[in-house]
């Protein structure tokens, strides 16, 4: 079964099955993940459904859209820094579905709008994509780690793009600063996939060989 083809209502049926048999949320989560042979149910989601069932609220259970929205809300509130991709991956639904639900939740006042730091980071980044995370962090009086989280989420959500030339320039700067460091270390510092850094390092090294 594809990660993006999970039937959340089917999983809810499993949850209610175990709920009616007096299983705990922890036990239910474990049993369902064993049944699907992978992690398809975060414990926080299972606890959310148990709370609804205990209060007699079965409305969302009968609607795929409402079920997805309730689950998206729980995961979003757990970590507002995480990207839409990460939420989608945990629930086995498409990123566009997550984006749609988050938009509706904001419009309904169920979650806060992030005017916020992420918007400020996006605005500064778009003014000059070549500037460093440290510069953005200093401008907004944030930690570099916080800026990295926002930039990573913005890229994964498709809200910003990192020009190839900028990535290569940053990789080259870090590589030249300390040639003993691995591509994994550089990738971690840039918030870029290791495979991307390795690709640019190969080009940089090949260029050096040709000029020497």
N, C-alpha and C. Protein backbone atom coordinates (compact mmCIF):
# COMPACT_ATOMS: atom_id res chain seq x y z
N UNK A 1 0.84 -1.20 0.00
CA UNK A 1 0.00 0.00 0.00
C UNK A 1 0.87 1.24 0.00
N UNK A 2 0.61 2.14 -0.90
CA UNK A 2 1.39 3.38 -0.99
C UNK A 2 1.16 4.23 0.25
N UNK A 3 2.22 4.95 0.67
CA UNK A 3 2.10 5.83 1.83
C UNK A 3 1.03 6.88 1.62
N UNK A 4 0.80 7.30 0.37
CA UNK A 4 -0.19 8.34 0.10
C UNK A 4 -1.55 7.76 -0.25
N UNK A 5 -1.75 6.45 -0.01
CA UNK A 5 -3.03 5.85 -0.30
C UNK A 5 -3.67 5.23 0.93
N UNK A 6 -3.20 5.61 2.10
CA UNK A 6 -3.77 5.06 3.33
C UNK A 6 -5.20 5.53 3.50
N UNK A 7 -6.07 4.61 3.84
CA UNK A 7 -7.47 4.94 4.10
C UNK A 7 -7.61 5.27 5.59
N UNK A 8 -7.69 6.57 5.89
CA UNK A 8 -7.74 6.97 7.30
C UNK A 8 -9.01 6.50 7.98
N UNK A 9 -10.12 6.40 7.23
CA UNK A 9 -11.36 5.90 7.82
C UNK A 9 -11.19 4.44 8.22
N UNK A 10 -10.49 3.68 7.39
CA UNK A 10 -10.23 2.28 7.72
C UNK A 10 -9.42 2.17 9.01
N UNK A 11 -8.45 3.07 9.16
CA UNK A 11 -7.66 3.07 10.39
C UNK A 11 -8.53 3.48 11.58
N UNK A 12 -9.44 4.44 11.35
CA UNK A 12 -10.37 4.84 12.42
C UNK A 12 -11.25 3.66 12.84
N UNK A 13 -11.64 2.84 11.88
CA UNK A 13 -12.45 1.66 12.19
C UNK A 13 -11.68 0.70 13.09
N UNK A 14 -10.38 0.58 12.83
CA UNK A 14 -9.53 -0.25 13.69
C UNK A 14 -9.45 0.34 15.09
N UNK A 15 -9.32 1.68 15.16
CA UNK A 15 -9.23 2.34 16.46
C UNK A 15 -10.50 2.11 17.27
N UNK A 16 -11.65 2.31 16.64
CA UNK A 16 -12.91 2.15 17.37
C UNK A 16 -13.13 0.69 17.76
N UNK A 17 -12.64 -0.23 16.94
CA UNK A 17 -12.76 -1.66 17.24
C UNK A 17 -12.05 -1.97 18.56
N UNK A 18 -10.80 -1.48 18.68
CA UNK A 18 -10.04 -1.74 19.90
C UNK A 18 -10.56 -0.91 21.07
N UNK A 19 -11.05 0.29 20.77
CA UNK A 19 -11.62 1.14 21.83
C UNK A 19 -12.79 0.44 22.50
N UNK A 20 -13.66 -0.16 21.71
CA UNK A 20 -14.85 -0.85 22.25
C UNK A 20 -14.48 -2.12 23.00
N UNK A 21 -13.26 -2.57 22.82
CA UNK A 21 -12.78 -3.75 23.54
C UNK A 21 -11.86 -3.36 24.70
N UNK A 22 -11.99 -2.10 25.09
CA UNK A 22 -11.30 -1.58 26.28
C UNK A 22 -9.77 -1.64 26.19
N UNK A 23 -9.25 -1.55 24.97
CA UNK A 23 -7.80 -1.45 24.83
C UNK A 23 -7.38 -0.01 25.13
N UNK A 24 -6.15 0.16 25.59
CA UNK A 24 -5.64 1.51 25.82
C UNK A 24 -5.20 2.12 24.49
N UNK A 25 -5.01 3.44 24.49
CA UNK A 25 -4.55 4.11 23.27
C UNK A 25 -3.16 3.59 22.88
N UNK A 26 -2.31 3.37 23.88
CA UNK A 26 -0.96 2.88 23.62
C UNK A 26 -1.01 1.48 22.98
N UNK A 27 -1.84 0.61 23.56
CA UNK A 27 -1.96 -0.75 23.04
C UNK A 27 -2.56 -0.76 21.64
N UNK A 28 -3.57 0.10 21.44
CA UNK A 28 -4.22 0.20 20.14
C UNK A 28 -3.24 0.65 19.06
N UNK A 29 -2.44 1.67 19.39
CA UNK A 29 -1.44 2.16 18.45
C UNK A 29 -0.47 1.06 18.05
N UNK A 30 0.00 0.31 19.04
CA UNK A 30 0.94 -0.77 18.78
C UNK A 30 0.32 -1.86 17.91
N UNK A 31 -0.92 -2.24 18.20
CA UNK A 31 -1.59 -3.30 17.45
C UNK A 31 -1.82 -2.90 15.99
N UNK A 32 -2.24 -1.66 15.79
CA UNK A 32 -2.53 -1.19 14.42
C UNK A 32 -1.24 -1.08 13.61
N UNK A 33 -0.19 -0.58 14.22
CA UNK A 33 1.09 -0.47 13.50
C UNK A 33 1.64 -1.86 13.16
N UNK A 34 1.41 -2.83 14.06
CA UNK A 34 1.82 -4.20 13.76
C UNK A 34 1.01 -4.76 12.60
N UNK A 35 -0.28 -4.45 12.60
CA UNK A 35 -1.16 -4.96 11.55
C UNK A 35 -0.75 -4.43 10.17
N UNK A 36 -0.39 -3.13 10.12
CA UNK A 36 0.01 -2.52 8.85
C UNK A 36 1.50 -2.70 8.56
N UNK A 37 2.21 -3.25 9.56
CA UNK A 37 3.65 -3.50 9.45
C UNK A 37 4.47 -2.23 9.24
N UNK A 38 3.97 -1.13 9.68
CA UNK A 38 4.72 0.13 9.66
C UNK A 38 3.99 1.15 10.52
N UNK A 39 4.66 2.27 10.77
CA UNK A 39 4.08 3.28 11.66
C UNK A 39 3.05 4.12 10.92
N UNK A 40 1.79 3.77 11.07
CA UNK A 40 0.72 4.50 10.37
C UNK A 40 -0.15 5.30 11.34
N UNK A 41 0.14 5.16 12.65
CA UNK A 41 -0.72 5.81 13.63
C UNK A 41 0.10 6.43 14.76
N UNK A 42 0.35 7.74 14.72
CA UNK A 42 1.00 8.40 15.85
C UNK A 42 0.13 8.25 17.10
N UNK A 43 0.75 8.06 18.25
CA UNK A 43 0.01 7.88 19.50
C UNK A 43 -0.90 9.06 19.78
N UNK A 44 -0.45 10.27 19.46
CA UNK A 44 -1.26 11.46 19.73
C UNK A 44 -2.57 11.43 18.94
N UNK A 45 -2.54 10.85 17.73
CA UNK A 45 -3.75 10.74 16.91
C UNK A 45 -4.71 9.75 17.54
N UNK A 46 -4.17 8.62 17.99
CA UNK A 46 -5.01 7.61 18.64
C UNK A 46 -5.67 8.17 19.90
N UNK A 47 -4.91 8.92 20.69
CA UNK A 47 -5.47 9.54 21.90
C UNK A 47 -6.56 10.53 21.56
N UNK A 48 -6.39 11.25 20.45
CA UNK A 48 -7.41 12.21 20.01
C UNK A 48 -8.72 11.49 19.71
N UNK A 49 -8.63 10.35 18.98
CA UNK A 49 -9.84 9.60 18.66
C UNK A 49 -10.48 9.01 19.92
N UNK A 50 -9.68 8.49 20.83
CA UNK A 50 -10.22 7.95 22.08
C UNK A 50 -11.00 9.02 22.84
N UNK A 51 -10.44 10.23 22.87
CA UNK A 51 -11.09 11.34 23.58
C UNK A 51 -12.43 11.67 22.93
N UNK A 52 -12.46 11.67 21.58
CA UNK A 52 -13.72 11.94 20.87
C UNK A 52 -14.75 10.86 21.18
N UNK A 53 -14.33 9.59 21.11
CA UNK A 53 -15.27 8.50 21.34
C UNK A 53 -15.79 8.51 22.77
N UNK A 54 -14.92 8.83 23.73
CA UNK A 54 -15.32 8.89 25.14
C UNK A 54 -16.38 9.96 25.38
N UNK A 55 -16.31 11.05 24.59
CA UNK A 55 -17.29 12.14 24.75
C UNK A 55 -18.54 11.90 23.90
N UNK A 56 -18.56 10.78 23.17
CA UNK A 56 -19.72 10.48 22.33
C UNK A 56 -19.69 11.16 20.98
N UNK A 57 -18.54 11.73 20.61
CA UNK A 57 -18.42 12.44 19.33
C UNK A 57 -17.91 11.47 18.26
N UNK A 58 -18.83 11.04 17.40
CA UNK A 58 -18.47 10.14 16.32
C UNK A 58 -18.61 10.82 14.96
N UNK A 59 -18.87 12.13 14.95
CA UNK A 59 -19.14 12.83 13.69
C UNK A 59 -17.98 12.73 12.70
N UNK A 60 -16.76 13.04 13.18
CA UNK A 60 -15.60 13.03 12.29
C UNK A 60 -15.30 11.63 11.76
N UNK A 61 -15.70 10.63 12.54
CA UNK A 61 -15.44 9.24 12.17
C UNK A 61 -16.10 8.88 10.84
N UNK A 62 -17.24 9.52 10.56
CA UNK A 62 -18.00 9.18 9.35
C UNK A 62 -17.62 10.03 8.14
N UNK A 63 -16.66 10.94 8.30
CA UNK A 63 -16.27 11.82 7.19
C UNK A 63 -14.77 11.78 6.98
N UNK A 64 -14.36 11.35 5.80
CA UNK A 64 -12.92 11.30 5.51
C UNK A 64 -12.28 12.67 5.65
N UNK A 65 -12.96 13.70 5.13
CA UNK A 65 -12.41 15.05 5.17
C UNK A 65 -12.26 15.54 6.60
N UNK A 66 -13.30 15.35 7.42
CA UNK A 66 -13.24 15.80 8.81
C UNK A 66 -12.21 14.99 9.60
N UNK A 67 -12.13 13.70 9.30
CA UNK A 67 -11.16 12.84 9.99
C UNK A 67 -9.74 13.32 9.70
N UNK A 68 -9.46 13.55 8.42
CA UNK A 68 -8.13 14.05 8.05
C UNK A 68 -7.83 15.38 8.70
N UNK A 69 -8.83 16.28 8.70
CA UNK A 69 -8.60 17.62 9.25
C UNK A 69 -8.30 17.55 10.74
N UNK A 70 -9.03 16.71 11.47
CA UNK A 70 -8.79 16.57 12.91
C UNK A 70 -7.38 16.05 13.18
N UNK A 71 -6.94 15.09 12.36
CA UNK A 71 -5.62 14.51 12.55
C UNK A 71 -4.52 15.50 12.18
N UNK A 72 -4.73 16.24 11.11
CA UNK A 72 -3.77 17.28 10.71
C UNK A 72 -3.62 18.31 11.83
N UNK A 73 -4.74 18.70 12.43
CA UNK A 73 -4.71 19.70 13.51
C UNK A 73 -3.88 19.21 14.69
N UNK A 74 -4.06 17.94 15.07
CA UNK A 74 -3.31 17.38 16.19
C UNK A 74 -1.80 17.41 15.92
N UNK A 75 -1.40 16.95 14.75
CA UNK A 75 0.04 16.91 14.43
C UNK A 75 0.63 18.30 14.27
N UNK A 76 -0.15 19.22 13.70
CA UNK A 76 0.33 20.60 13.55
C UNK A 76 0.58 21.22 14.92
N UNK A 77 -0.35 21.02 15.85
CA UNK A 77 -0.20 21.62 17.18
C UNK A 77 0.94 20.99 17.97
N UNK A 78 1.33 19.78 17.60
CA UNK A 78 2.47 19.13 18.27
C UNK A 78 3.78 19.82 17.92
N UNK A 79 3.90 20.24 16.67
CA UNK A 79 5.15 20.87 16.22
C UNK A 79 4.84 21.80 15.05
N UNK A 80 4.73 23.09 15.34
CA UNK A 80 4.36 24.05 14.30
C UNK A 80 5.50 24.37 13.35
N UNK A 81 6.69 23.87 13.66
CA UNK A 81 7.82 24.07 12.77
C UNK A 81 7.84 23.05 11.63
N UNK A 82 7.16 21.92 11.82
CA UNK A 82 7.28 20.86 10.82
C UNK A 82 6.60 21.24 9.51
N UNK A 83 7.08 20.65 8.45
CA UNK A 83 6.56 20.98 7.12
C UNK A 83 5.27 20.22 6.83
N UNK A 84 4.58 20.67 5.77
CA UNK A 84 3.37 19.98 5.33
C UNK A 84 3.72 18.57 4.88
N UNK A 85 4.92 18.42 4.30
CA UNK A 85 5.35 17.10 3.84
C UNK A 85 5.42 16.12 5.01
N UNK A 86 5.97 16.58 6.13
CA UNK A 86 6.15 15.69 7.27
C UNK A 86 4.81 15.24 7.83
N UNK A 87 3.86 16.17 7.93
CA UNK A 87 2.52 15.82 8.40
C UNK A 87 1.88 14.82 7.44
N UNK A 88 2.01 15.10 6.15
CA UNK A 88 1.42 14.21 5.13
C UNK A 88 2.02 12.81 5.22
N UNK A 89 3.32 12.75 5.43
CA UNK A 89 3.99 11.45 5.51
C UNK A 89 3.51 10.64 6.70
N UNK A 90 3.29 11.32 7.83
CA UNK A 90 2.83 10.62 9.03
C UNK A 90 1.42 10.07 8.87
N UNK A 91 0.60 10.76 8.08
CA UNK A 91 -0.80 10.37 7.92
C UNK A 91 -1.06 9.56 6.66
N UNK A 92 -0.06 9.49 5.78
CA UNK A 92 -0.26 8.76 4.54
C UNK A 92 -1.23 9.45 3.60
N UNK A 93 -1.20 10.79 3.60
CA UNK A 93 -2.05 11.56 2.68
C UNK A 93 -1.16 12.51 1.89
N UNK A 94 -1.73 13.17 0.89
CA UNK A 94 -0.94 14.06 0.05
C UNK A 94 -0.66 15.40 0.74
N UNK A 95 0.47 16.00 0.39
CA UNK A 95 0.83 17.31 0.96
C UNK A 95 -0.22 18.36 0.65
N UNK A 96 -0.78 18.32 -0.56
CA UNK A 96 -1.80 19.31 -0.92
C UNK A 96 -3.03 19.19 -0.03
N UNK A 97 -3.33 17.95 0.40
CA UNK A 97 -4.45 17.74 1.32
C UNK A 97 -4.16 18.39 2.66
N UNK A 98 -2.93 18.23 3.13
CA UNK A 98 -2.53 18.86 4.40
C UNK A 98 -2.63 20.38 4.29
N UNK A 99 -2.12 20.94 3.19
CA UNK A 99 -2.16 22.39 2.98
C UNK A 99 -3.60 22.89 2.98
N UNK A 100 -4.48 22.16 2.33
CA UNK A 100 -5.89 22.55 2.26
C UNK A 100 -6.53 22.56 3.65
N UNK A 101 -6.23 21.52 4.44
CA UNK A 101 -6.81 21.44 5.78
C UNK A 101 -6.26 22.53 6.70
N UNK A 102 -4.96 22.80 6.61
CA UNK A 102 -4.37 23.84 7.44
C UNK A 102 -4.94 25.21 7.10
N UNK A 103 -5.17 25.45 5.81
CA UNK A 103 -5.77 26.71 5.38
C UNK A 103 -7.17 26.86 5.97
N UNK A 104 -7.96 25.78 5.92
CA UNK A 104 -9.32 25.82 6.47
C UNK A 104 -9.29 26.00 7.98
N UNK A 105 -8.37 25.34 8.66
CA UNK A 105 -8.26 25.46 10.12
C UNK A 105 -7.90 26.88 10.53
N UNK A 106 -7.03 27.54 9.75
CA UNK A 106 -6.68 28.94 10.05
C UNK A 106 -7.88 29.85 9.81
N UNK A 107 -8.57 29.64 8.69
CA UNK A 107 -9.72 30.48 8.37
C UNK A 107 -10.84 30.33 9.39
N UNK A 108 -10.95 29.13 9.96
CA UNK A 108 -11.98 28.87 10.98
C UNK A 108 -11.54 29.28 12.37
N UNK A 109 -10.29 29.76 12.49
CA UNK A 109 -9.78 30.18 13.79
C UNK A 109 -9.42 29.03 14.71
N UNK A 110 -9.28 27.81 14.15
CA UNK A 110 -8.95 26.65 14.98
C UNK A 110 -7.46 26.55 15.26
N UNK A 111 -6.65 27.13 14.39
CA UNK A 111 -5.22 27.25 14.67
C UNK A 111 -4.81 28.67 14.34
N UNK A 112 -3.74 29.11 14.97
CA UNK A 112 -3.30 30.50 14.79
C UNK A 112 -2.62 30.67 13.44
N UNK A 113 -2.80 31.83 12.86
CA UNK A 113 -2.07 32.17 11.64
C UNK A 113 -0.63 32.48 12.03
N UNK A 114 0.31 31.94 11.25
CA UNK A 114 1.72 32.22 11.55
C UNK A 114 2.18 33.45 10.77
N UNK A 115 1.85 34.61 11.28
CA UNK A 115 2.27 35.85 10.62
C UNK A 115 3.73 35.89 10.82
N UNK A 116 4.03 35.90 11.64
CA UNK A 116 5.09 35.34 12.33
C UNK A 116 6.43 35.33 11.74
N UNK A 117 7.12 34.53 12.49
CA UNK A 117 8.51 34.35 12.18
C UNK A 117 8.73 33.75 10.81
N UNK A 118 7.94 32.72 10.48
CA UNK A 118 8.17 32.05 9.18
C UNK A 118 7.95 33.00 8.02
N UNK A 119 6.91 33.84 8.12
CA UNK A 119 6.66 34.82 7.07
C UNK A 119 7.80 35.83 6.98
N UNK A 120 8.34 36.21 8.14
CA UNK A 120 9.45 37.16 8.16
C UNK A 120 10.71 36.53 7.55
N UNK A 121 10.95 35.28 7.89
CA UNK A 121 12.10 34.57 7.31
C UNK A 121 11.94 34.47 5.79
N UNK A 122 10.73 34.13 5.34
CA UNK A 122 10.46 34.01 3.90
C UNK A 122 10.69 35.35 3.19
N UNK A 123 10.22 36.43 3.81
CA UNK A 123 10.36 37.76 3.20
C UNK A 123 11.84 38.14 3.06
N UNK A 124 12.61 37.92 4.12
CA UNK A 124 14.04 38.26 4.07
C UNK A 124 14.78 37.38 3.07
N UNK A 125 14.45 36.11 3.07
CA UNK A 125 15.12 35.19 2.14
C UNK A 125 14.86 35.59 0.69
N UNK A 126 13.61 35.93 0.39
CA UNK A 126 13.25 36.29 -0.99
C UNK A 126 13.92 37.59 -1.45
N UNK A 127 14.23 38.47 -0.50
CA UNK A 127 14.94 39.71 -0.86
C UNK A 127 16.35 39.41 -1.35
N UNK A 128 16.97 38.38 -0.75
CA UNK A 128 18.34 38.03 -1.14
C UNK A 128 18.60 36.56 -0.80
N UNK A 129 18.28 35.65 -1.75
CA UNK A 129 18.46 34.22 -1.49
C UNK A 129 19.90 33.81 -1.22
N UNK A 130 20.86 34.68 -1.56
CA UNK A 130 22.26 34.31 -1.36
C UNK A 130 22.76 34.60 0.05
N UNK A 131 21.96 35.33 0.84
CA UNK A 131 22.42 35.67 2.18
C UNK A 131 22.42 34.43 3.08
N UNK A 132 23.26 34.45 4.08
CA UNK A 132 23.40 33.30 4.96
C UNK A 132 22.27 33.23 5.99
N UNK A 133 22.11 32.04 6.55
CA UNK A 133 21.12 31.87 7.63
C UNK A 133 21.49 32.74 8.82
N UNK A 134 22.79 32.87 9.07
CA UNK A 134 23.25 33.69 10.19
C UNK A 134 22.81 35.12 10.04
N UNK A 135 22.88 35.65 8.81
CA UNK A 135 22.47 37.03 8.57
C UNK A 135 20.97 37.21 8.82
N UNK A 136 20.18 36.25 8.34
CA UNK A 136 18.73 36.31 8.58
C UNK A 136 18.45 36.22 10.07
N UNK A 137 19.15 35.32 10.75
CA UNK A 137 18.96 35.14 12.20
C UNK A 137 19.30 36.42 12.95
N UNK A 138 20.40 37.05 12.59
CA UNK A 138 20.81 38.29 13.26
C UNK A 138 19.80 39.42 13.01
N UNK A 139 19.28 39.49 11.79
CA UNK A 139 18.32 40.54 11.45
C UNK A 139 17.03 40.40 12.26
N UNK A 140 16.58 39.15 12.43
CA UNK A 140 15.30 38.90 13.12
C UNK A 140 15.47 38.59 14.61
N UNK A 141 16.71 38.61 15.06
CA UNK A 141 17.04 38.27 16.46
C UNK A 141 16.50 36.87 16.78
N UNK A 142 16.91 35.91 15.97
CA UNK A 142 16.53 34.52 16.15
C UNK A 142 17.78 33.67 16.23
N UNK A 143 17.62 32.43 16.63
CA UNK A 143 18.75 31.50 16.55
C UNK A 143 18.87 31.00 15.12
N UNK A 144 20.08 30.63 14.74
CA UNK A 144 20.29 30.11 13.39
C UNK A 144 19.51 28.81 13.19
N UNK A 145 19.36 28.05 14.26
CA UNK A 145 18.60 26.79 14.20
C UNK A 145 17.14 27.05 13.86
N UNK A 146 16.57 28.11 14.44
CA UNK A 146 15.17 28.46 14.16
C UNK A 146 15.00 28.86 12.70
N UNK A 147 15.93 29.65 12.19
CA UNK A 147 15.88 30.05 10.78
C UNK A 147 15.98 28.82 9.89
N UNK A 148 16.87 27.89 10.24
CA UNK A 148 17.02 26.67 9.46
C UNK A 148 15.71 25.89 9.39
N UNK A 149 15.02 25.77 10.52
CA UNK A 149 13.74 25.04 10.55
C UNK A 149 12.72 25.68 9.63
N UNK A 150 12.65 27.01 9.68
CA UNK A 150 11.68 27.71 8.83
C UNK A 150 12.02 27.58 7.35
N UNK A 151 13.29 27.74 7.01
CA UNK A 151 13.71 27.63 5.61
C UNK A 151 13.46 26.22 5.08
N UNK A 152 13.73 25.23 5.90
CA UNK A 152 13.51 23.84 5.49
C UNK A 152 12.03 23.60 5.21
N UNK A 153 11.16 24.08 6.11
CA UNK A 153 9.72 23.91 5.92
C UNK A 153 9.23 24.67 4.69
N UNK A 154 9.74 25.89 4.49
CA UNK A 154 9.33 26.70 3.33
C UNK A 154 9.73 26.02 2.03
N UNK A 155 10.93 25.42 2.01
CA UNK A 155 11.36 24.71 0.79
C UNK A 155 10.50 23.48 0.54
N UNK A 156 10.24 22.72 1.60
CA UNK A 156 9.45 21.49 1.44
C UNK A 156 8.01 21.79 1.04
N UNK A 157 7.50 22.94 1.47
CA UNK A 157 6.14 23.34 1.11
C UNK A 157 6.07 23.98 -0.27
N UNK A 158 7.24 24.14 -0.90
CA UNK A 158 7.27 24.74 -2.24
C UNK A 158 7.08 26.24 -2.22
N UNK A 159 7.28 26.88 -1.04
CA UNK A 159 7.08 28.33 -0.94
C UNK A 159 8.32 29.13 -1.35
N UNK A 160 9.47 28.49 -1.27
CA UNK A 160 10.70 29.14 -1.73
C UNK A 160 11.54 28.12 -2.47
N UNK A 161 12.42 28.61 -3.32
CA UNK A 161 13.36 27.75 -4.03
C UNK A 161 14.77 28.24 -3.73
N UNK A 162 15.67 27.30 -3.65
CA UNK A 162 17.07 27.68 -3.45
C UNK A 162 17.79 27.57 -4.79
N UNK A 163 18.29 28.67 -5.36
CA UNK A 163 18.99 28.59 -6.64
C UNK A 163 20.18 27.65 -6.57
N UNK A 164 20.40 26.89 -7.63
CA UNK A 164 21.50 25.93 -7.67
C UNK A 164 22.83 26.62 -7.41
N UNK A 165 23.02 27.80 -8.01
CA UNK A 165 24.29 28.50 -7.84
C UNK A 165 24.53 28.86 -6.39
N UNK A 166 23.46 29.20 -5.67
CA UNK A 166 23.61 29.56 -4.27
C UNK A 166 24.03 28.35 -3.45
N UNK A 167 23.43 27.20 -3.70
CA UNK A 167 23.79 25.99 -2.98
C UNK A 167 25.26 25.66 -3.21
N UNK A 168 25.68 25.72 -4.47
CA UNK A 168 27.07 25.37 -4.78
C UNK A 168 28.04 26.35 -4.13
N UNK A 169 27.68 27.62 -4.15
CA UNK A 169 28.53 28.63 -3.53
C UNK A 169 28.68 28.37 -2.04
N UNK A 170 27.56 28.06 -1.38
CA UNK A 170 27.60 27.80 0.06
C UNK A 170 28.37 26.53 0.38
N UNK A 171 28.17 25.50 -0.44
CA UNK A 171 28.92 24.25 -0.25
C UNK A 171 30.42 24.51 -0.39
N UNK A 172 30.77 25.28 -1.42
CA UNK A 172 32.18 25.56 -1.68
C UNK A 172 32.80 26.37 -0.55
N UNK A 173 32.06 27.34 -0.03
CA UNK A 173 32.57 28.16 1.07
C UNK A 173 32.86 27.31 2.30
N UNK A 174 31.92 26.43 2.65
CA UNK A 174 32.11 25.57 3.82
C UNK A 174 33.22 24.55 3.59
N UNK A 175 33.27 24.01 2.39
CA UNK A 175 34.30 23.02 2.05
C UNK A 175 35.69 23.65 2.13
N UNK A 176 35.84 24.85 1.59
CA UNK A 176 37.14 25.53 1.62
C UNK A 176 37.54 25.95 3.03
N UNK A 177 36.54 26.21 3.87
CA UNK A 177 36.83 26.62 5.25
C UNK A 177 37.42 25.46 6.06
N UNK A 178 37.01 24.23 5.73
CA UNK A 178 37.53 23.07 6.45
C UNK A 178 37.38 21.83 5.56
N UNK A 179 38.44 21.49 4.88
CA UNK A 179 38.38 20.40 3.89
C UNK A 179 38.35 19.02 4.53
N UNK A 180 38.49 18.96 5.82
CA UNK A 180 38.44 17.66 6.49
C UNK A 180 37.01 17.22 6.80
N UNK A 181 36.06 18.18 6.71
CA UNK A 181 34.68 17.83 7.05
C UNK A 181 34.02 17.03 5.92
N UNK A 182 33.09 16.18 6.31
CA UNK A 182 32.40 15.33 5.33
C UNK A 182 31.24 16.07 4.68
N UNK A 183 30.75 15.48 3.58
CA UNK A 183 29.60 16.10 2.91
C UNK A 183 28.36 16.03 3.80
N UNK A 184 28.30 15.00 4.69
CA UNK A 184 27.17 14.93 5.62
C UNK A 184 27.16 16.11 6.59
N UNK A 185 28.37 16.48 7.05
CA UNK A 185 28.48 17.62 7.97
C UNK A 185 28.05 18.91 7.29
N UNK A 186 28.50 19.10 6.05
CA UNK A 186 28.12 20.30 5.30
C UNK A 186 26.62 20.32 5.06
N UNK A 187 26.06 19.15 4.72
CA UNK A 187 24.62 19.06 4.47
C UNK A 187 23.82 19.46 5.70
N UNK A 188 24.28 19.00 6.86
CA UNK A 188 23.58 19.32 8.11
C UNK A 188 23.64 20.81 8.39
N UNK A 189 24.77 21.42 8.13
CA UNK A 189 24.93 22.86 8.39
C UNK A 189 24.07 23.70 7.44
N UNK A 190 23.87 23.20 6.22
CA UNK A 190 23.10 23.96 5.23
C UNK A 190 21.62 23.59 5.23
N UNK A 191 21.27 22.49 5.90
CA UNK A 191 19.89 22.04 5.84
C UNK A 191 19.53 21.53 4.47
N UNK A 192 20.51 20.90 3.80
CA UNK A 192 20.37 20.40 2.44
C UNK A 192 20.59 18.89 2.43
N UNK A 193 19.92 18.12 1.57
CA UNK A 193 20.14 16.67 1.50
C UNK A 193 21.61 16.35 1.23
N UNK A 194 22.17 15.34 1.92
CA UNK A 194 23.57 14.96 1.70
C UNK A 194 23.88 14.65 0.24
N UNK A 195 22.92 14.03 -0.47
CA UNK A 195 23.15 13.70 -1.88
C UNK A 195 23.37 14.95 -2.72
N UNK A 196 22.67 16.05 -2.37
CA UNK A 196 22.84 17.31 -3.09
C UNK A 196 24.23 17.89 -2.85
N UNK A 197 24.65 17.86 -1.59
CA UNK A 197 25.99 18.38 -1.25
C UNK A 197 27.07 17.54 -1.94
N UNK A 198 26.91 16.22 -1.92
CA UNK A 198 27.88 15.34 -2.56
C UNK A 198 27.99 15.65 -4.05
N UNK A 199 26.85 15.89 -4.68
CA UNK A 199 26.83 16.24 -6.11
C UNK A 199 27.65 17.50 -6.38
N UNK A 200 27.43 18.54 -5.57
CA UNK A 200 28.14 19.80 -5.77
C UNK A 200 29.63 19.67 -5.44
N UNK A 201 29.95 18.87 -4.42
CA UNK A 201 31.36 18.68 -4.06
C UNK A 201 32.12 17.98 -5.18
N UNK A 202 31.47 17.03 -5.84
CA UNK A 202 32.12 16.34 -6.97
C UNK A 202 32.44 17.33 -8.09
N UNK A 203 31.50 18.22 -8.36
CA UNK A 203 31.71 19.23 -9.41
C UNK A 203 32.83 20.19 -9.01
N UNK A 204 32.82 20.60 -7.74
CA UNK A 204 33.85 21.52 -7.25
C UNK A 204 35.24 20.88 -7.35
N UNK A 205 35.35 19.61 -6.93
CA UNK A 205 36.64 18.92 -6.97
C UNK A 205 37.10 18.68 -8.41
N UNK A 206 36.16 18.35 -9.28
CA UNK A 206 36.51 18.13 -10.69
C UNK A 206 37.00 19.43 -11.33
N UNK A 207 36.36 20.54 -10.97
CA UNK A 207 36.77 21.84 -11.49
C UNK A 207 38.18 22.19 -11.01
N UNK A 208 38.47 21.86 -9.75
CA UNK A 208 39.81 22.12 -9.21
C UNK A 208 40.87 21.30 -9.93
N UNK A 209 40.54 20.03 -10.22
CA UNK A 209 41.50 19.18 -10.93
C UNK A 209 41.82 19.72 -12.32
N UNK A 210 40.81 20.26 -12.98
CA UNK A 210 41.02 20.78 -14.33
C UNK A 210 41.88 22.05 -14.33
N UNK A 211 41.76 22.85 -13.27
CA UNK A 211 42.49 24.12 -13.22
C UNK A 211 43.90 23.96 -12.66
N UNK A 212 44.16 22.85 -11.99
CA UNK A 212 45.50 22.64 -11.40
C UNK A 212 46.47 22.03 -12.41
